[in-house]
PDB file of N, CA and C in Angstrom:
ATOM      1  N   MET A   1     114.367  57.989 -35.056  1.00  0.00           N
ATOM      2  CA  MET A   1     113.942  57.892 -33.700  1.00  0.00           C
ATOM      3  C   MET A   1     113.660  56.411 -33.343  1.00  0.00           C
ATOM      4  N   ARG A   2     114.129  55.999 -32.225  1.00  0.00           N
ATOM      5  CA  ARG A   2     113.875  54.614 -31.800  1.00  0.00           C
ATOM      6  C   ARG A   2     112.685  54.636 -30.895  1.00  0.00           C
ATOM      7  N   ILE A   3     111.720  53.717 -31.138  1.00  0.00           N
ATOM      8  CA  ILE A   3     110.470  53.594 -30.326  1.00  0.00           C
ATOM      9  C   ILE A   3     110.372  52.165 -29.869  1.00  0.00           C
ATOM     10  N   VAL A   4     110.055  51.969 -28.644  1.00  0.00           N
ATOM     11  CA  VAL A   4     109.856  50.613 -28.139  1.00  0.00           C
ATOM     12  C   VAL A   4     108.479  50.559 -27.503  1.00  0.00           C
ATOM     13  N   GLU A   5     107.717  49.532 -27.886  1.00  0.00           N
ATOM     14  CA  GLU A   5     106.408  49.290 -27.259  1.00  0.00           C
ATOM     15  C   GLU A   5     106.407  47.944 -26.564  1.00  0.00           C
ATOM     16  N   VAL A   6     106.104  47.884 -25.313  1.00  0.00           N
ATOM     17  CA  VAL A   6     106.023  46.630 -24.558  1.00  0.00           C
ATOM     18  C   VAL A   6     104.564  46.420 -24.241  1.00  0.00           C
ATOM     19  N   LEU A   7     104.000  45.267 -24.686  1.00  0.00           N
ATOM     20  CA  LEU A   7     102.622  44.902 -24.344  1.00  0.00           C
ATOM     21  C   LEU A   7     102.650  44.001 -23.129  1.00  0.00           C
ATOM     22  N   VAL A   8     101.995  44.364 -22.072  1.00  0.00           N
ATOM     23  CA  VAL A   8     101.892  43.548 -20.899  1.00  0.00           C
ATOM     24  C   VAL A   8     100.688  42.644 -21.065  1.00  0.00           C
ATOM     25  N   PRO A   9     100.803  41.342 -20.626  1.00  0.00           N
ATOM     26  CA  PRO A   9      99.674  40.396 -20.871  1.00  0.00           C
ATOM     27  C   PRO A   9      98.311  40.923 -20.395  1.00  0.00           C
ATOM     28  N   ALA A  10      97.269  40.375 -21.027  1.00  0.00           N
ATOM     29  CA  ALA A  10      95.855  40.771 -20.755  1.00  0.00           C
ATOM     30  C   ALA A  10      95.568  40.578 -19.248  1.00  0.00           C
ATOM     31  N   THR A  11      96.255  39.721 -18.580  1.00  0.00           N
ATOM     32  CA  THR A  11      95.980  39.488 -17.152  1.00  0.00           C
ATOM     33  C   THR A  11      96.353  40.755 -16.377  1.00  0.00           C
ATOM     34  N   ALA A  12      97.127  41.657 -16.906  1.00  0.00           N
ATOM     35  CA  ALA A  12      97.480  42.910 -16.301  1.00  0.00           C
ATOM     36  C   ALA A  12      96.519  44.043 -16.720  1.00  0.00           C
ATOM     37  N   GLY A  13      95.425  43.730 -17.411  1.00  0.00           N
ATOM     38  CA  GLY A  13      94.468  44.692 -17.794  1.00  0.00           C
ATOM     39  C   GLY A  13      94.759  45.362 -19.138  1.00  0.00           C
ATOM     40  N   GLY A  14      95.611  44.778 -19.958  1.00  0.00           N
ATOM     41  CA  GLY A  14      95.890  45.376 -21.255  1.00  0.00           C
ATOM     42  C   GLY A  14      96.747  46.667 -21.138  1.00  0.00           C
ATOM     43  N   THR A  15      97.951  46.533 -20.608  1.00  0.00           N
ATOM     44  CA  THR A  15      98.773  47.670 -20.455  1.00  0.00           C
ATOM     45  C   THR A  15      99.847  47.724 -21.552  1.00  0.00           C
ATOM     46  N   SER A  16     100.107  48.959 -22.095  1.00  0.00           N
ATOM     47  CA  SER A  16     101.219  49.175 -23.002  1.00  0.00           C
ATOM     48  C   SER A  16     102.208  50.113 -22.327  1.00  0.00           C
ATOM     49  N   ILE A  17     103.464  49.870 -22.588  1.00  0.00           N
ATOM     50  CA  ILE A  17     104.534  50.761 -22.134  1.00  0.00           C
ATOM     51  C   ILE A  17     105.230  51.223 -23.356  1.00  0.00           C
ATOM     52  N   TYR A  18     105.215  52.552 -23.567  1.00  0.00           N
ATOM     53  CA  TYR A  18     105.901  53.172 -24.713  1.00  0.00           C
ATOM     54  C   TYR A  18     107.165  53.897 -24.251  1.00  0.00           C
ATOM     55  N   TRP A  19     108.192  53.744 -25.009  1.00  0.00           N
ATOM     56  CA  TRP A  19     109.476  54.454 -24.745  1.00  0.00           C
ATOM     57  C   TRP A  19     109.994  55.096 -25.992  1.00  0.00           C
ATOM     58  N   THR A  20     110.330  56.345 -25.922  1.00  0.00           N
ATOM     59  CA  THR A  20     111.071  57.046 -26.970  1.00  0.00           C
ATOM     60  C   THR A  20     112.214  57.797 -26.294  1.00  0.00           C
ATOM     61  N   PRO A  21     113.245  58.188 -27.037  1.00  0.00           N
ATOM     62  CA  PRO A  21     114.326  58.964 -26.427  1.00  0.00           C
ATOM     63  C   PRO A  21     113.818  60.281 -25.882  1.00  0.00           C
ATOM     64  N   GLN A  22     112.815  60.894 -26.510  1.00  0.00           N
ATOM     65  CA  GLN A  22     112.337  62.187 -26.087  1.00  0.00           C
ATOM     66  C   GLN A  22     111.415  62.151 -24.882  1.00  0.00           C
ATOM     67  N   THR A  23     110.670  61.061 -24.728  1.00  0.00           N
ATOM     68  CA  THR A  23     109.610  61.018 -23.701  1.00  0.00           C
ATOM     69  C   THR A  23     110.000  60.064 -22.534  1.00  0.00           C
ATOM     70  N   GLY A  24     110.892  59.110 -22.759  1.00  0.00           N
ATOM     71  CA  GLY A  24     111.152  58.087 -21.727  1.00  0.00           C
ATOM     72  C   GLY A  24     110.049  57.049 -21.738  1.00  0.00           C
ATOM     73  N   PRO A  25     110.091  56.140 -20.778  1.00  0.00           N
ATOM     74  CA  PRO A  25     109.052  55.066 -20.746  1.00  0.00           C
ATOM     75  C   PRO A  25     107.801  55.506 -19.909  1.00  0.00           C
ATOM     76  N   HIS A  26     106.649  55.227 -20.525  1.00  0.00           N
ATOM     77  CA  HIS A  26     105.397  55.546 -19.875  1.00  0.00           C
ATOM     78  C   HIS A  26     104.330  54.451 -20.133  1.00  0.00           C
ATOM     79  N   GLU A  27     103.580  54.136 -19.062  1.00  0.00           N
ATOM     80  CA  GLU A  27     102.543  53.101 -19.203  1.00  0.00           C
ATOM     81  C   GLU A  27     101.238  53.776 -19.609  1.00  0.00           C
ATOM     82  N   VAL A  28     100.438  53.044 -20.380  1.00  0.00           N
ATOM     83  CA  VAL A  28      99.105  53.505 -20.800  1.00  0.00           C
ATOM     84  C   VAL A  28      98.179  52.251 -20.636  1.00  0.00           C
ATOM     85  N   HIS A  29      97.054  52.434 -19.920  1.00  0.00           N
ATOM     86  CA  HIS A  29      96.202  51.218 -19.706  1.00  0.00           C
ATOM     87  C   HIS A  29      94.730  51.644 -19.525  1.00  0.00           C
ATOM     88  N   GLY A  30      93.887  50.636 -19.422  1.00  0.00           N
ATOM     89  CA  GLY A  30      92.476  50.837 -19.114  1.00  0.00           C
ATOM     90  C   GLY A  30      91.738  51.672 -20.181  1.00  0.00           C
ATOM     91  N   ALA A  31      90.784  52.449 -19.703  1.00  0.00           N
ATOM     92  CA  ALA A  31      89.965  53.273 -20.606  1.00  0.00           C
ATOM     93  C   ALA A  31      90.809  54.304 -21.380  1.00  0.00           C
ATOM     94  N   ILE A  32      91.886  54.788 -20.714  1.00  0.00           N
ATOM     95  CA  ILE A  32      92.776  55.718 -21.447  1.00  0.00           C
ATOM     96  C   ILE A  32      93.473  55.033 -22.600  1.00  0.00           C
ATOM     97  N   ARG A  33      93.972  53.868 -22.413  1.00  0.00           N
ATOM     98  CA  ARG A  33      94.595  53.079 -23.464  1.00  0.00           C
ATOM     99  C   ARG A  33      93.615  52.770 -24.591  1.00  0.00           C
ATOM    100  N   ASP A  34      92.394  52.374 -24.200  1.00  0.00           N
ATOM    101  CA  ASP A  34      91.383  52.035 -25.179  1.00  0.00           C
ATOM    102  C   ASP A  34      91.027  53.193 -26.097  1.00  0.00           C
ATOM    103  N   LEU A  35      90.885  54.401 -25.474  1.00  0.00           N
ATOM    104  CA  LEU A  35      90.615  55.590 -26.268  1.00  0.00           C
ATOM    105  C   LEU A  35      91.764  55.964 -27.174  1.00  0.00           C
ATOM    106  N   TRP A  36      92.988  55.944 -26.635  1.00  0.00           N
ATOM    107  CA  TRP A  36      94.177  56.227 -27.412  1.00  0.00           C
ATOM    108  C   TRP A  36      94.320  55.288 -28.634  1.00  0.00           C
ATOM    109  N   ALA A  37      94.025  53.972 -28.387  1.00  0.00           N
ATOM    110  CA  ALA A  37      94.026  52.991 -29.439  1.00  0.00           C
ATOM    111  C   ALA A  37      93.045  53.358 -30.536  1.00  0.00           C
ATOM    112  N   GLY A  38      91.847  53.709 -30.079  1.00  0.00           N
ATOM    113  CA  GLY A  38      90.758  54.051 -31.029  1.00  0.00           C
ATOM    114  C   GLY A  38      91.066  55.304 -31.851  1.00  0.00           C
ATOM    115  N   MET A  39      91.912  56.154 -31.312  1.00  0.00           N
ATOM    116  CA  MET A  39      92.292  57.385 -31.956  1.00  0.00           C
ATOM    117  C   MET A  39      93.471  57.144 -32.955  1.00  0.00           C
ATOM    118  N   GLY A  40      94.062  55.998 -32.883  1.00  0.00           N
ATOM    119  CA  GLY A  40      95.188  55.710 -33.794  1.00  0.00           C
ATOM    120  C   GLY A  40      96.557  55.728 -33.163  1.00  0.00           C
ATOM    121  N   TRP A  41      96.588  55.545 -31.793  1.00  0.00           N
ATOM    122  CA  TRP A  41      97.828  55.463 -31.041  1.00  0.00           C
ATOM    123  C   TRP A  41      98.637  56.713 -31.269  1.00  0.00           C
ATOM    124  N   GLU A  42      99.925  56.537 -31.523  1.00  0.00           N
ATOM    125  CA  GLU A  42     100.850  57.645 -31.682  1.00  0.00           C
ATOM    126  C   GLU A  42     100.646  58.435 -32.968  1.00  0.00           C
ATOM    127  N   ASN A  43      99.842  57.895 -33.885  1.00  0.00           N
ATOM    128  CA  ASN A  43      99.469  58.603 -35.100  1.00  0.00           C
ATOM    129  C   ASN A  43      98.423  59.644 -34.938  1.00  0.00           C
ATOM    130  N   SER A  44      97.808  59.671 -33.759  1.00  0.00           N
ATOM    131  CA  SER A  44      96.804  60.678 -33.453  1.00  0.00           C
ATOM    132  C   SER A  44      97.439  62.007 -33.071  1.00  0.00           C
ATOM    133  N   PHE A  45      96.629  63.033 -32.839  1.00  0.00           N
ATOM    134  CA  PHE A  45      97.186  64.313 -32.433  1.00  0.00           C
ATOM    135  C   PHE A  45      97.907  64.246 -31.097  1.00  0.00           C
ATOM    136  N   LEU A  46      97.630  63.208 -30.317  1.00  0.00           N
ATOM    137  CA  LEU A  46      98.289  63.099 -29.002  1.00  0.00           C
ATOM    138  C   LEU A  46      99.727  62.647 -29.107  1.00  0.00           C
ATOM    139  N   HIS A  47     100.095  61.890 -30.101  1.00  0.00           N
ATOM    140  CA  HIS A  47     101.432  61.354 -30.270  1.00  0.00           C
ATOM    141  C   HIS A  47     101.796  60.407 -29.120  1.00  0.00           C
ATOM    142  N   TYR A  48     102.960  60.589 -28.467  1.00  0.00           N
ATOM    143  CA  TYR A  48     103.415  59.650 -27.437  1.00  0.00           C
ATOM    144  C   TYR A  48     103.097  60.117 -26.022  1.00  0.00           C
ATOM    145  N   PRO A  49     102.945  59.180 -25.068  1.00  0.00           N
ATOM    146  CA  PRO A  49     102.716  59.528 -23.686  1.00  0.00           C
ATOM    147  C   PRO A  49     103.951  60.189 -23.086  1.00  0.00           C
ATOM    148  N   THR A  50     103.706  61.205 -22.216  1.00  0.00           N
ATOM    149  CA  THR A  50     104.780  61.876 -21.538  1.00  0.00           C
ATOM    150  C   THR A  50     104.688  61.728 -20.005  1.00  0.00           C
ATOM    151  N   SER A  51     103.697  60.920 -19.574  1.00  0.00           N
ATOM    152  CA  SER A  51     103.561  60.616 -18.164  1.00  0.00           C
ATOM    153  C   SER A  51     102.887  59.278 -18.002  1.00  0.00           C
ATOM    154  N   ASP A  52     103.050  58.662 -16.838  1.00  0.00           N
ATOM    155  CA  ASP A  52     102.240  57.513 -16.451  1.00  0.00           C
ATOM    156  C   ASP A  52     100.885  58.045 -16.055  1.00  0.00           C
ATOM    157  N   GLU A  53      99.942  57.118 -15.951  1.00  0.00           N
ATOM    158  CA  GLU A  53      98.628  57.503 -15.491  1.00  0.00           C
ATOM    159  C   GLU A  53      98.649  57.915 -14.045  1.00  0.00           C
ATOM    160  N   THR A  54      98.006  58.990 -13.688  1.00  0.00           N
ATOM    161  CA  THR A  54      97.995  59.459 -12.300  1.00  0.00           C
ATOM    162  C   THR A  54      96.548  59.835 -11.918  1.00  0.00           C
ATOM    163  N   GLY A  55      96.384  60.079 -10.613  1.00  0.00           N
ATOM    164  CA  GLY A  55      95.103  60.495 -10.110  1.00  0.00           C
ATOM    165  C   GLY A  55      94.551  59.507  -9.080  1.00  0.00           C
ATOM    166  N   SER A  56      93.230  59.633  -8.812  1.00  0.00           N
ATOM    167  CA  SER A  56      92.541  58.770  -7.845  1.00  0.00           C
ATOM    168  C   SER A  56      91.815  57.669  -8.565  1.00  0.00           C
ATOM    169  N   ASP A  57      91.062  56.863  -7.842  1.00  0.00           N
ATOM    170  CA  ASP A  57      90.286  55.779  -8.493  1.00  0.00           C
ATOM    171  C   ASP A  57      89.264  56.287  -9.477  1.00  0.00           C
ATOM    172  N   SER A  58      88.699  57.477  -9.203  1.00  0.00           N
ATOM    173  CA  SER A  58      87.636  58.043 -10.023  1.00  0.00           C
ATOM    174  C   SER A  58      88.081  59.095 -11.035  1.00  0.00           C
ATOM    175  N   GLN A  59      89.303  59.649 -10.837  1.00  0.00           N
ATOM    176  CA  GLN A  59      89.753  60.696 -11.767  1.00  0.00           C
ATOM    177  C   GLN A  59      91.205  60.337 -12.153  1.00  0.00           C
ATOM    178  N   ARG A  60      91.400  59.932 -13.409  1.00  0.00           N
ATOM    179  CA  ARG A  60      92.693  59.521 -13.868  1.00  0.00           C
ATOM    180  C   ARG A  60      93.078  60.367 -15.095  1.00  0.00           C
ATOM    181  N   VAL A  61      94.396  60.585 -15.283  1.00  0.00           N
ATOM    182  CA  VAL A  61      94.855  61.328 -16.452  1.00  0.00           C
ATOM    183  C   VAL A  61      96.212  60.800 -16.920  1.00  0.00           C
ATOM    184  N   SER A  62      96.396  60.812 -18.216  1.00  0.00           N
ATOM    185  CA  SER A  62      97.683  60.542 -18.834  1.00  0.00           C
ATOM    186  C   SER A  62      98.005  61.729 -19.737  1.00  0.00           C
ATOM    187  N   HIS A  63      99.210  62.253 -19.655  1.00  0.00           N
ATOM    188  CA  HIS A  63      99.642  63.358 -20.480  1.00  0.00           C
ATOM    189  C   HIS A  63     100.383  62.821 -21.689  1.00  0.00           C
ATOM    190  N   PHE A  64     100.212  63.448 -22.835  1.00  0.00           N
ATOM    191  CA  PHE A  64     100.805  63.062 -24.098  1.00  0.00           C
ATOM    192  C   PHE A  64     101.481  64.281 -24.712  1.00  0.00           C
ATOM    193  N   GLN A  65     102.292  64.088 -25.734  1.00  0.00           N
ATOM    194  CA  GLN A  65     102.979  65.219 -26.395  1.00  0.00           C
ATOM    195  C   GLN A  65     102.000  66.255 -26.898  1.00  0.00           C
ATOM    196  N   GLY A  66     100.825  65.800 -27.365  1.00  0.00           N
ATOM    197  CA  GLY A  66      99.909  66.738 -28.045  1.00  0.00           C
ATOM    198  C   GLY A  66      98.648  67.022 -27.186  1.00  0.00           C
ATOM    199  N   GLY A  67      98.557  66.521 -25.945  1.00  0.00           N
ATOM    200  CA  GLY A  67      97.388  66.804 -25.134  1.00  0.00           C
ATOM    201  C   GLY A  67      97.274  65.796 -23.979  1.00  0.00           C
ATOM    202  N   HIS A  68      96.025  65.442 -23.596  1.00  0.00           N
ATOM    203  CA  HIS A  68      95.800  64.647 -22.451  1.00  0.00           C
ATOM    204  C   HIS A  68      94.601  63.722 -22.704  1.00  0.00           C
ATOM    205  N   ILE A  69      94.587  62.556 -22.001  1.00  0.00           N
ATOM    206  CA  ILE A  69      93.354  61.742 -21.948  1.00  0.00           C
ATOM    207  C   ILE A  69      93.045  61.659 -20.455  1.00  0.00           C
ATOM    208  N   PHE A  70      91.803  61.906 -20.113  1.00  0.00           N
ATOM    209  CA  PHE A  70      91.384  61.861 -18.726  1.00  0.00           C
ATOM    210  C   PHE A  70      90.104  61.099 -18.570  1.00  0.00           C
ATOM    211  N   THR A  71      89.901  60.551 -17.405  1.00  0.00           N
ATOM    212  CA  THR A  71      88.608  59.894 -17.050  1.00  0.00           C
ATOM    213  C   THR A  71      88.110  60.557 -15.765  1.00  0.00           C
ATOM    214  N   TRP A  72      86.847  60.829 -15.722  1.00  0.00           N
ATOM    215  CA  TRP A  72      86.296  61.468 -14.524  1.00  0.00           C
ATOM    216  C   TRP A  72      85.548  60.382 -13.669  1.00  0.00           C
ATOM    217  N   SER A  73      85.225  59.268 -14.276  1.00  0.00           N
ATOM    218  CA  SER A  73      84.674  58.181 -13.485  1.00  0.00           C
ATOM    219  C   SER A  73      84.752  56.965 -14.420  1.00  0.00           C
ATOM    220  N   PRO A  74      84.857  55.763 -13.874  1.00  0.00           N
ATOM    221  CA  PRO A  74      84.871  54.575 -14.687  1.00  0.00           C
ATOM    222  C   PRO A  74      83.627  54.458 -15.579  1.00  0.00           C
ATOM    223  N   ALA A  75      82.492  54.898 -15.107  1.00  0.00           N
ATOM    224  CA  ALA A  75      81.269  54.805 -15.854  1.00  0.00           C
ATOM    225  C   ALA A  75      81.214  55.756 -17.020  1.00  0.00           C
ATOM    226  N   GLN A  76      81.861  56.935 -16.935  1.00  0.00           N
ATOM    227  CA  GLN A  76      81.859  57.911 -17.983  1.00  0.00           C
ATOM    228  C   GLN A  76      82.840  57.705 -19.097  1.00  0.00           C
ATOM    229  N   GLY A  77      83.831  56.840 -18.808  1.00  0.00           N
ATOM    230  CA  GLY A  77      84.863  56.549 -19.806  1.00  0.00           C
ATOM    231  C   GLY A  77      85.882  57.682 -19.917  1.00  0.00           C
ATOM    232  N   ALA A  78      86.599  57.680 -20.977  1.00  0.00           N
ATOM    233  CA  ALA A  78      87.738  58.601 -21.169  1.00  0.00           C
ATOM    234  C   ALA A  78      87.434  59.662 -22.242  1.00  0.00           C
ATOM    235  N   SER A  79      88.074  60.806 -22.086  1.00  0.00           N
ATOM    236  CA  SER A  79      87.955  61.919 -23.045  1.00  0.00           C
ATOM    237  C   SER A  79      89.314  62.443 -23.378  1.00  0.00           C
ATOM    238  N   ALA A  80      89.524  62.879 -24.616  1.00  0.00           N
ATOM    239  CA  ALA A  80      90.809  63.447 -25.043  1.00  0.00           C
ATOM    240  C   ALA A  80      90.685  64.937 -25.121  1.00  0.00           C
ATOM    241  N   GLN A  81      91.782  65.647 -24.824  1.00  0.00           N
ATOM    242  CA  GLN A  81      91.882  67.088 -24.896  1.00  0.00           C
ATOM    243  C   GLN A  81      93.190  67.423 -25.591  1.00  0.00           C
ATOM    244  N   ARG A  82      93.087  68.311 -26.607  1.00  0.00           N
ATOM    245  CA  ARG A  82      94.231  68.703 -27.369  1.00  0.00           C
ATOM    246  C   ARG A  82      94.942  69.817 -26.613  1.00  0.00           C
ATOM    247  N   GLY A  83      96.303  69.687 -26.447  1.00  0.00           N
ATOM    248  CA  GLY A  83      97.114  70.712 -25.852  1.00  0.00           C
ATOM    249  C   GLY A  83      96.663  71.099 -24.466  1.00  0.00           C
ATOM    250  N   GLY A  84      97.182  72.313 -24.034  1.00  0.00           N
ATOM    251  CA  GLY A  84      96.731  72.837 -22.775  1.00  0.00           C
ATOM    252  C   GLY A  84      97.165  72.033 -21.569  1.00  0.00           C
ATOM    253  N   ARG A  85      96.601  72.361 -20.452  1.00  0.00           N
ATOM    254  CA  ARG A  85      96.930  71.689 -19.194  1.00  0.00           C
ATOM    255  C   ARG A  85      95.642  71.522 -18.378  1.00  0.00           C
ATOM    256  N   ILE A  86      95.423  70.360 -17.832  1.00  0.00           N
ATOM    257  CA  ILE A  86      94.268  70.145 -16.936  1.00  0.00           C
ATOM    258  C   ILE A  86      94.744  69.929 -15.550  1.00  0.00           C
ATOM    259  N   ASP A  87      93.931  70.169 -14.603  1.00  0.00           N
ATOM    260  CA  ASP A  87      94.213  70.009 -13.167  1.00  0.00           C
ATOM    261  C   ASP A  87      94.120  68.541 -12.807  1.00  0.00           C
ATOM    262  N   ASP A  88      95.254  67.939 -12.598  1.00  0.00           N
ATOM    263  CA  ASP A  88      95.250  66.500 -12.186  1.00  0.00           C
ATOM    264  C   ASP A  88      95.730  66.304 -10.776  1.00  0.00           C
ATOM    265  N   SER A  89      95.587  67.357  -9.932  1.00  0.00           N
ATOM    266  CA  SER A  89      96.100  67.296  -8.599  1.00  0.00           C
ATOM    267  C   SER A  89      95.095  66.664  -7.600  1.00  0.00           C
ATOM    268  N   GLN A  90      93.911  66.250  -8.060  1.00  0.00           N
ATOM    269  CA  GLN A  90      92.939  65.686  -7.137  1.00  0.00           C
ATOM    270  C   GLN A  90      93.078  64.243  -7.042  1.00  0.00           C
TER     271      GLN A  90
END
């Protein structure tokens, strides 16, 4: 499997863009990126991102092959969820 990681300069807030043939290109940044990094990146149960970050300023989510990382507010930080589906329509 071919994997490409593009690191965007720190001036962009520390964004990573991951691409695999199975998932396509997806950006990961901010508190979501920080948590994913702390979990071991793609070596964690989440594996690779399957979506870009979506949501509002206070509620953000990124979907991964093995689950999701979401933030409910900048002050609360990010949380990971294994599998399943969360409501990111708000």
